[in-house]
Amino acid sequence: MESDRDSEVDLRVMARRLWRGWRTIFLTTGLAVAVGVALYFAVPRVYQSVAVVLPITEPEYSGYVDLIAKSALSDMLEDQQKNDPRLTTFPYSRDDLLKEFVAYLQTPAHLLDVAKESGVVPSSGDKAADERAAVNFVRSVTFTPPTDRKPNFEMRARASNEDALNKFVALSLDNTRVEVAKIIRASIMAKISAGENMRKDAIATLTIDVASRRQRAENVRKDDMERLGEQAQIAERLNLTEPVAIPALSANGQSTAAVSAQVISGDQPLYFQGSAALNKQIDLLKNRKDNDPYTTGLRDLQTQIYMLQNDNRASVLRTLLDKSPLKDPATAPLARYSLLTATAERIFPRLSIFGIGSLLLGFVIGASIVLLRDEKERGGLPGTA
């Protein structure tokens, strides 16, 4: 209890001593505040911009639905190329578009170009120094990937020029959207062209197959004519004009004069058919105008060629692409962000910090001066009064 009373007495004594020097405290506090305000306006400003990037909405994504449902290859080629990555014209989900966006956004070359264009790094006149400053600024830009608790992507940048920083952020986001849209559009066009080339290659391959089969049928026709001609000569030399009549067994076991079924079926030498029949076959082969009916699998190949020749998938896809948001990369939605919420804000210096800090500092300095002066006048130590 006695120590508490001593502490209370000491505080009262201290308060009276400070009150006697209130003018000094007031003066030092005022000077400190003035210095603080001057420093506030003198020190370089630091601004920060935080851009939040999110996936596009479902209504925005619906503009790509027609492309998603189409393949760059014809139906016939899809069956043959099921594992070909070019099957899907637009293989992007909303999250995939965001990934493509942020991947390009973080590209150092892209950020460096935008930093130079926006003027966010002041020019010193020294090209090498300016290049280093731009590189250092790009390295200072931070990116925060989405998490379970915070499912959005953030880009954070700091600079001393508010307008230049706003321009840097706007150019970074807008240029990224345009460039990624151009890349995706170019990839779709490449897939359409690849599908068209595959269709043409398939037609060329099938056409070669058709020609090969026709040539094979023609060779078979010539071979048959040669073989039948040889057999006809044999028949003429043997005076076999008509088919050879071989006794055949009747139903009651009696032999009868009839043309042998074995001769007709070809189990016997061909000249047994007689020169007349063989020459007739030769004439038919000579007068054949078209081998197509006798060419194995030809009609199926012709059907495939017809379907491929009349496949207009490429033109349909180009039309759908021109009707999609990718028609104009400058307006194609790939990611969602707001330049208004990304407006740069000053983070240093803060008037509240400088004001309160200088006020407290001035008070402490003034109080210290008053106490030291009072002790000097008393010639004793603090707390002995």
Protein backbone atom coordinates (compact mmCIF):
# COMPACT_ATOMS: atom_id res chain seq x y z
CA MET A 1 0.00 0.00 0.00
CA GLU A 2 2.82 2.35 0.83
CA SER A 3 4.53 1.66 -2.51
CA ASP A 4 1.24 2.41 -4.31
CA ARG A 5 1.01 5.76 -2.53
CA ASP A 6 4.63 6.51 -3.46
CA SER A 7 3.90 5.72 -7.10
CA GLU A 8 0.84 7.95 -7.05
CA VAL A 9 2.90 10.78 -5.49
CA ASP A 10 5.64 10.31 -8.10
CA LEU A 11 3.10 10.49 -10.93
CA ARG A 12 1.59 13.65 -9.52
CA VAL A 13 5.03 15.21 -9.16
CA MET A 14 5.89 14.18 -12.71
CA ALA A 15 2.65 15.66 -14.03
CA ARG A 16 3.30 19.00 -12.25
CA ARG A 17 6.82 19.15 -13.63
CA LEU A 18 5.59 18.48 -17.16
CA TRP A 19 2.84 21.04 -16.79
CA ARG A 20 5.32 23.68 -15.85
CA GLY A 21 7.11 23.06 -19.14
CA TRP A 22 3.98 22.83 -21.29
CA ARG A 23 5.24 25.56 -23.60
CA THR A 24 8.38 23.56 -24.41
CA ILE A 25 6.36 20.38 -24.96
CA PHE A 26 3.90 22.21 -27.16
CA LEU A 27 6.71 23.77 -29.19
CA THR A 28 8.63 20.50 -29.74
CA THR A 29 5.43 18.66 -30.54
CA GLY A 30 4.47 21.32 -33.08
CA LEU A 31 7.93 21.22 -34.64
CA ALA A 32 7.84 17.42 -34.81
CA VAL A 33 4.42 17.45 -36.47
CA ALA A 34 5.66 20.07 -38.94
CA VAL A 35 8.70 17.95 -39.74
CA GLY A 36 6.51 14.87 -40.03
CA VAL A 37 4.14 16.58 -42.45
CA ALA A 38 7.09 17.87 -44.47
CA LEU A 39 8.55 14.39 -44.63
CA TYR A 40 5.15 13.02 -45.59
CA PHE A 41 5.11 15.24 -48.67
CA ALA A 42 8.83 14.80 -49.36
CA VAL A 43 9.32 11.03 -49.28
CA PRO A 44 8.60 9.09 -52.49
CA ARG A 45 5.11 7.67 -52.82
CA VAL A 46 4.59 3.93 -53.13
CA TYR A 47 1.38 2.71 -54.74
CA GLN A 48 0.05 -0.82 -54.91
CA SER A 49 -2.39 -2.40 -57.33
CA VAL A 50 -4.02 -5.78 -56.69
CA ALA A 51 -5.78 -7.36 -59.68
CA VAL A 52 -8.11 -10.28 -58.99
CA VAL A 53 -8.66 -12.71 -61.87
CA LEU A 54 -11.52 -15.24 -61.94
CA PRO A 55 -12.91 -17.75 -64.48
CA ILE A 56 -15.51 -16.41 -66.89
CA THR A 57 -19.18 -16.97 -66.11
CA GLU A 58 -21.28 -19.77 -67.60
CA PRO A 59 -23.21 -17.37 -69.89
CA GLU A 60 -19.90 -16.03 -71.25
CA TYR A 61 -18.57 -19.56 -71.73
CA SER A 62 -21.71 -20.62 -73.61
CA GLY A 63 -20.48 -18.62 -76.60
CA TYR A 64 -17.91 -21.36 -77.22
CA VAL A 65 -20.37 -24.28 -77.01
CA ASP A 66 -20.72 -24.75 -80.77
CA LEU A 67 -16.96 -25.09 -81.14
CA ILE A 68 -16.74 -27.50 -78.22
CA ALA A 69 -19.26 -29.86 -79.83
CA LYS A 70 -17.36 -30.04 -83.13
CA SER A 71 -14.36 -32.04 -84.22
CA ALA A 72 -11.79 -30.84 -86.73
CA LEU A 73 -11.86 -34.24 -88.45
CA SER A 74 -14.58 -35.84 -90.56
CA ASP A 75 -16.64 -38.64 -89.05
CA MET A 76 -14.77 -41.25 -91.11
CA LEU A 77 -11.38 -40.00 -89.95
CA GLU A 78 -12.47 -39.80 -86.33
CA ASP A 79 -12.89 -43.57 -86.26
CA GLN A 80 -9.36 -43.95 -87.57
CA GLN A 81 -7.78 -41.25 -85.43
CA LYS A 82 -9.47 -41.64 -82.04
CA ASN A 83 -6.29 -40.77 -80.15
CA ASP A 84 -5.41 -37.77 -82.28
CA PRO A 85 -5.39 -34.56 -80.16
CA ARG A 86 -6.73 -32.63 -83.11
CA LEU A 87 -10.12 -34.27 -82.69
CA THR A 88 -11.36 -31.53 -80.36
CA THR A 89 -11.54 -28.10 -81.92
CA PHE A 90 -11.94 -26.19 -78.62
CA PRO A 91 -10.58 -28.35 -75.75
CA TYR A 92 -10.91 -25.68 -73.06
CA SER A 93 -13.07 -25.56 -69.97
CA ARG A 94 -13.58 -22.34 -68.00
CA ASP A 95 -10.70 -23.29 -65.69
CA ASP A 96 -8.53 -24.15 -68.70
CA LEU A 97 -9.11 -20.69 -70.15
CA LEU A 98 -8.11 -19.15 -66.81
CA LYS A 99 -4.94 -21.27 -66.74
CA GLU A 100 -4.03 -20.16 -70.26
CA PHE A 101 -4.67 -16.55 -69.24
CA VAL A 102 -2.59 -16.54 -66.06
CA ALA A 103 0.21 -18.54 -67.70
CA TYR A 104 0.65 -15.85 -70.34
CA LEU A 105 0.13 -13.07 -67.78
CA GLN A 106 3.14 -14.30 -65.80
CA THR A 107 5.41 -14.48 -68.84
CA PRO A 108 8.46 -12.28 -68.08
CA ALA A 109 8.79 -11.12 -71.68
CA HIS A 110 5.16 -9.97 -71.67
CA LEU A 111 5.51 -8.10 -68.37
CA LEU A 112 8.77 -6.50 -69.50
CA ASP A 113 7.18 -5.19 -72.70
CA VAL A 114 4.22 -3.78 -70.77
CA ALA A 115 6.49 -2.21 -68.16
CA LYS A 116 8.36 -0.35 -70.90
CA GLU A 117 5.17 0.67 -72.69
CA SER A 118 3.40 1.91 -69.56
CA GLY A 119 6.35 3.95 -68.27
CA VAL A 120 5.97 2.45 -64.81
CA VAL A 121 9.76 2.52 -64.52
CA PRO A 122 11.09 6.11 -64.83
CA SER A 123 13.58 6.62 -67.63
CA SER A 124 17.08 7.72 -66.61
CA GLY A 125 18.46 8.20 -70.09
CA ASP A 126 20.77 5.23 -69.66
CA LYS A 127 19.39 2.36 -71.74
CA ALA A 128 21.21 -0.34 -69.79
CA ALA A 129 20.14 1.13 -66.44
CA ASP A 130 16.54 1.45 -67.63
CA GLU A 131 16.61 -2.18 -68.77
CA ARG A 132 17.84 -3.32 -65.36
CA ALA A 133 15.23 -1.22 -63.61
CA ALA A 134 12.48 -2.71 -65.77
CA VAL A 135 13.72 -6.23 -65.04
CA ASN A 136 13.83 -5.51 -61.30
CA PHE A 137 10.30 -4.15 -61.43
CA VAL A 138 9.04 -7.24 -63.26
CA ARG A 139 10.68 -9.41 -60.60
CA SER A 140 8.87 -7.44 -57.90
CA VAL A 141 5.45 -8.27 -59.37
CA THR A 142 3.96 -11.11 -57.34
CA PHE A 143 1.28 -13.62 -58.24
CA THR A 144 -0.89 -15.57 -55.82
CA PRO A 145 -2.50 -18.75 -57.17
CA PRO A 146 -5.99 -19.72 -56.03
CA THR A 147 -6.46 -21.81 -52.90
CA ASP A 148 -9.39 -23.59 -51.28
CA ARG A 149 -9.96 -20.64 -48.97
CA LYS A 150 -9.37 -18.01 -51.65
CA PRO A 151 -10.41 -19.34 -55.07
CA ASN A 152 -9.11 -16.46 -57.16
CA PHE A 153 -5.84 -15.52 -58.81
CA GLU A 154 -4.13 -12.27 -57.77
CA MET A 155 -1.48 -10.10 -59.35
CA ARG A 156 0.17 -7.56 -57.02
CA ALA A 157 2.41 -4.74 -58.27
CA ARG A 158 3.99 -1.70 -56.60
CA ALA A 159 5.41 1.47 -58.10
CA SER A 160 5.97 5.15 -57.29
CA ASN A 161 3.87 6.47 -60.21
CA GLU A 162 0.16 5.96 -59.66
CA ASP A 163 -0.98 6.62 -63.24
CA ALA A 164 1.81 4.52 -64.73
CA LEU A 165 0.99 1.64 -62.37
CA ASN A 166 -2.68 1.76 -63.33
CA LYS A 167 -1.65 1.73 -66.98
CA PHE A 168 0.72 -1.18 -66.39
CA VAL A 169 -1.99 -3.30 -64.76
CA ALA A 170 -4.57 -2.43 -67.42
CA LEU A 171 -2.19 -3.21 -70.28
CA SER A 172 -1.03 -6.42 -68.62
CA LEU A 173 -4.55 -7.78 -68.27
CA ASP A 174 -5.99 -6.50 -71.54
CA ASN A 175 -2.99 -7.45 -73.66
CA THR A 176 -2.95 -10.90 -72.10
CA ARG A 177 -6.60 -11.45 -72.97
CA VAL A 178 -6.09 -10.31 -76.56
CA GLU A 179 -2.88 -12.29 -77.13
CA VAL A 180 -4.24 -15.50 -75.58
CA ALA A 181 -7.40 -15.15 -77.67
CA LYS A 182 -5.25 -14.77 -80.78
CA ILE A 183 -3.23 -17.85 -79.82
CA ILE A 184 -6.37 -19.94 -79.24
CA ARG A 185 -7.93 -18.73 -82.49
CA ALA A 186 -4.73 -19.55 -84.38
CA SER A 187 -4.64 -23.02 -82.80
CA ILE A 188 -8.24 -23.66 -83.87
CA MET A 189 -7.46 -22.51 -87.41
CA ALA A 190 -4.43 -24.80 -87.41
CA LYS A 191 -6.61 -27.73 -86.30
CA ILE A 192 -9.15 -26.97 -89.02
CA SER A 193 -6.37 -26.83 -91.60
CA ALA A 194 -4.88 -30.05 -90.24
CA GLY A 195 -8.26 -31.77 -90.47
CA GLU A 196 -8.67 -30.48 -94.02
CA ASN A 197 -5.23 -31.76 -94.97
CA MET A 198 -5.98 -35.14 -93.44
CA ARG A 199 -9.23 -35.28 -95.42
CA LYS A 200 -7.36 -34.51 -98.65
CA ASP A 201 -4.67 -37.05 -97.81
CA ALA A 202 -7.35 -39.67 -97.16
CA ILE A 203 -8.99 -38.91 -100.50
CA ALA A 204 -5.63 -39.21 -102.27
CA THR A 205 -4.90 -42.52 -100.53
CA LEU A 206 -8.31 -43.93 -101.40
CA THR A 207 -7.98 -42.73 -105.00
CA ILE A 208 -4.66 -44.54 -105.30
CA ASP A 209 -6.28 -47.66 -103.84
CA VAL A 210 -9.11 -47.42 -106.39
CA ALA A 211 -6.66 -47.04 -109.25
CA SER A 212 -4.63 -49.96 -107.95
CA ARG A 213 -7.68 -52.22 -107.74
CA ARG A 214 -8.83 -51.20 -111.19
CA GLN A 215 -5.41 -51.98 -112.59
CA ARG A 216 -5.48 -55.31 -110.82
CA ALA A 217 -8.89 -56.07 -112.36
CA GLU A 218 -7.60 -55.09 -115.80
CA ASN A 219 -4.61 -57.36 -115.37
CA VAL A 220 -6.93 -60.18 -114.36
CA ARG A 221 -9.05 -59.54 -117.50
CA LYS A 222 -5.97 -59.68 -119.75
CA ASP A 223 -4.69 -62.79 -118.01
CA ASP A 224 -8.07 -64.47 -118.45
CA MET A 225 -8.10 -63.57 -122.16
CA GLU A 226 -4.59 -64.98 -122.58
CA ARG A 227 -5.43 -68.19 -120.74
CA LEU A 228 -8.73 -68.70 -122.56
CA GLY A 229 -7.08 -67.96 -125.92
CA GLU A 230 -4.51 -70.65 -125.25
CA GLN A 231 -7.20 -73.14 -124.28
CA ALA A 232 -9.25 -72.23 -127.38
CA GLN A 233 -6.24 -73.01 -129.59
CA ILE A 234 -5.90 -76.40 -127.93
CA ALA A 235 -9.60 -77.09 -128.47
CA GLU A 236 -9.36 -76.13 -132.16
CA ARG A 237 -6.36 -78.41 -132.68
CA LEU A 238 -8.33 -81.23 -131.09
CA ASN A 239 -11.38 -80.34 -133.20
CA LEU A 240 -13.35 -79.70 -130.00
CA THR A 241 -15.86 -77.10 -131.10
CA GLU A 242 -18.57 -77.97 -128.62
CA PRO A 243 -18.21 -79.01 -125.01
CA VAL A 244 -17.03 -82.59 -124.60
CA ALA A 245 -19.88 -85.00 -123.98
CA ILE A 246 -18.98 -87.49 -121.27
CA PRO A 247 -21.39 -90.26 -120.42
CA ALA A 248 -23.08 -89.52 -117.20
CA LEU A 249 -24.97 -91.89 -115.00
CA SER A 250 -28.72 -91.55 -115.09
CA ALA A 251 -30.96 -91.94 -112.12
CA ASN A 252 -31.40 -95.71 -112.75
CA GLY A 253 -27.66 -96.25 -113.09
CA GLN A 254 -27.62 -96.22 -116.93
CA SER A 255 -25.01 -94.11 -118.69
CA THR A 256 -26.38 -91.39 -120.97
CA ALA A 257 -24.88 -88.86 -123.39
CA ALA A 258 -24.81 -85.51 -121.54
CA VAL A 259 -22.46 -82.67 -120.98
CA SER A 260 -20.34 -83.52 -117.97
CA ALA A 261 -20.98 -81.35 -114.96
CA GLN A 262 -17.28 -81.53 -114.21
CA VAL A 263 -16.46 -79.82 -117.51
CA ILE A 264 -18.92 -77.03 -116.80
CA SER A 265 -17.63 -76.56 -113.27
CA GLY A 266 -14.05 -76.33 -114.45
CA ASP A 267 -12.75 -79.42 -112.76
CA GLN A 268 -11.57 -80.59 -116.20
CA PRO A 269 -9.22 -78.69 -118.60
CA LEU A 270 -10.80 -75.56 -120.03
CA TYR A 271 -10.45 -76.74 -123.64
CA PHE A 272 -13.09 -79.41 -122.83
CA GLN A 273 -15.58 -76.52 -123.03
CA GLY A 274 -14.96 -76.34 -126.76
CA SER A 275 -13.48 -73.61 -128.93
CA ALA A 276 -16.86 -71.97 -129.55
CA ALA A 277 -17.56 -71.40 -125.85
CA LEU A 278 -13.99 -70.30 -125.16
CA ASN A 279 -13.98 -67.82 -128.06
CA LYS A 280 -17.28 -66.44 -126.82
CA GLN A 281 -15.77 -65.84 -123.39
CA ILE A 282 -12.76 -64.17 -125.04
CA ASP A 283 -15.05 -61.87 -127.01
CA LEU A 284 -16.93 -60.93 -123.86
CA LEU A 285 -13.68 -60.07 -122.09
CA LYS A 286 -12.44 -58.05 -125.08
CA ASN A 287 -15.69 -56.10 -125.30
CA ARG A 288 -15.87 -55.41 -121.56
CA LYS A 289 -16.02 -51.62 -121.21
CA ASP A 290 -15.81 -51.38 -117.43
CA ASN A 291 -14.06 -53.56 -114.91
CA ASP A 292 -15.59 -51.78 -111.90
CA PRO A 293 -18.40 -54.34 -111.33
CA TYR A 294 -15.73 -57.02 -111.11
CA THR A 295 -13.35 -55.07 -108.83
CA THR A 296 -13.46 -56.26 -105.22
CA GLY A 297 -14.33 -53.56 -102.64
CA LEU A 298 -14.39 -50.79 -105.25
CA ARG A 299 -17.88 -49.53 -104.46
CA ASP A 300 -17.05 -49.17 -100.77
CA LEU A 301 -13.93 -47.13 -101.61
CA GLN A 302 -15.91 -44.92 -104.00
CA THR A 303 -18.47 -44.32 -101.26
CA GLN A 304 -15.73 -43.25 -98.85
CA ILE A 305 -14.22 -40.90 -101.43
CA TYR A 306 -17.61 -39.37 -102.15
CA MET A 307 -18.28 -38.76 -98.45
CA LEU A 308 -14.86 -37.19 -97.94
CA GLN A 309 -15.13 -35.03 -101.05
CA ASN A 310 -18.48 -33.67 -99.87
CA ASP A 311 -17.41 -33.17 -96.26
CA ASN A 312 -17.81 -29.44 -95.52
CA ARG A 313 -16.68 -29.64 -91.90
CA ALA A 314 -13.84 -27.16 -92.42
CA SER A 315 -16.10 -24.44 -93.81
CA VAL A 316 -18.66 -25.10 -91.06
CA LEU A 317 -16.01 -24.78 -88.37
CA ARG A 318 -14.67 -21.56 -89.86
CA THR A 319 -18.21 -20.17 -89.86
CA LEU A 320 -18.72 -21.21 -86.23
CA LEU A 321 -15.38 -19.67 -85.30
CA ASP A 322 -16.41 -16.38 -86.88
CA LYS A 323 -19.68 -16.52 -84.95
CA SER A 324 -17.96 -17.29 -81.65
CA PRO A 325 -16.42 -14.73 -79.25
CA LEU A 326 -13.04 -15.51 -80.84
CA LYS A 327 -14.11 -13.67 -83.98
CA ASP A 328 -12.66 -10.56 -82.36
CA PRO A 329 -9.83 -11.40 -79.95
CA ALA A 330 -10.04 -7.90 -78.51
CA THR A 331 -13.43 -8.69 -76.96
CA ALA A 332 -13.22 -12.47 -76.42
CA PRO A 333 -13.89 -13.41 -72.76
CA LEU A 334 -11.17 -15.64 -71.34
CA ALA A 335 -10.94 -14.49 -67.73
CA ARG A 336 -12.91 -12.17 -65.49
CA TYR A 337 -11.27 -9.15 -63.85
CA SER A 338 -12.09 -5.55 -62.98
CA LEU A 339 -9.74 -2.65 -63.66
CA LEU A 340 -11.80 -0.52 -61.29
CA THR A 341 -11.03 -2.72 -58.29
CA ALA A 342 -7.40 -2.95 -59.43
CA THR A 343 -6.93 0.82 -59.20
CA ALA A 344 -3.65 1.67 -57.47
CA GLU A 345 -3.80 2.74 -53.83
CA ARG A 346 -1.12 4.54 -51.86
CA ILE A 347 0.44 2.31 -49.22
CA PHE A 348 3.34 4.60 -48.24
CA PRO A 349 3.57 7.12 -46.76
CA ARG A 350 0.36 7.19 -44.76
CA LEU A 351 -0.65 10.52 -43.22
CA SER A 352 -2.06 8.83 -40.14
CA ILE A 353 1.24 7.08 -39.40
CA PHE A 354 3.35 10.18 -40.01
CA GLY A 355 0.94 12.42 -38.08
CA ILE A 356 0.53 10.24 -35.00
CA GLY A 357 4.19 9.20 -35.05
CA SER A 358 5.48 12.77 -35.23
CA LEU A 359 2.99 13.85 -32.55
CA LEU A 360 4.17 11.16 -30.13
CA LEU A 361 7.81 11.78 -30.98
CA GLY A 362 7.43 15.53 -30.43
CA PHE A 363 5.71 14.96 -27.09
CA VAL A 364 8.44 12.54 -25.92
CA ILE A 365 11.20 14.92 -26.97
CA GLY A 366 9.50 17.90 -25.32
CA ALA A 367 8.83 15.97 -22.11
CA SER A 368 12.42 14.77 -22.00
CA ILE A 369 13.72 18.32 -22.41
CA VAL A 370 11.43 19.60 -19.64
CA LEU A 371 12.45 16.85 -17.23
CA LEU A 372 16.16 17.15 -17.93
CA ARG A 373 16.04 20.91 -17.56
CA ASP A 374 14.07 20.60 -14.33
CA GLU A 375 16.58 18.11 -12.93
CA LYS A 376 19.45 20.33 -13.90
CA GLU A 377 17.86 23.23 -12.12
CA ARG A 378 17.22 21.09 -9.04
CA GLY A 379 20.68 19.56 -9.25
CA GLY A 380 19.29 16.15 -8.30
CA LEU A 381 18.22 12.90 -9.92
CA PRO A 382 14.73 12.10 -11.18
CA GLY A 383 12.39 10.94 -8.52
CA THR A 384 14.16 12.70 -5.60
CA ALA A 385 11.98 15.76 -5.71
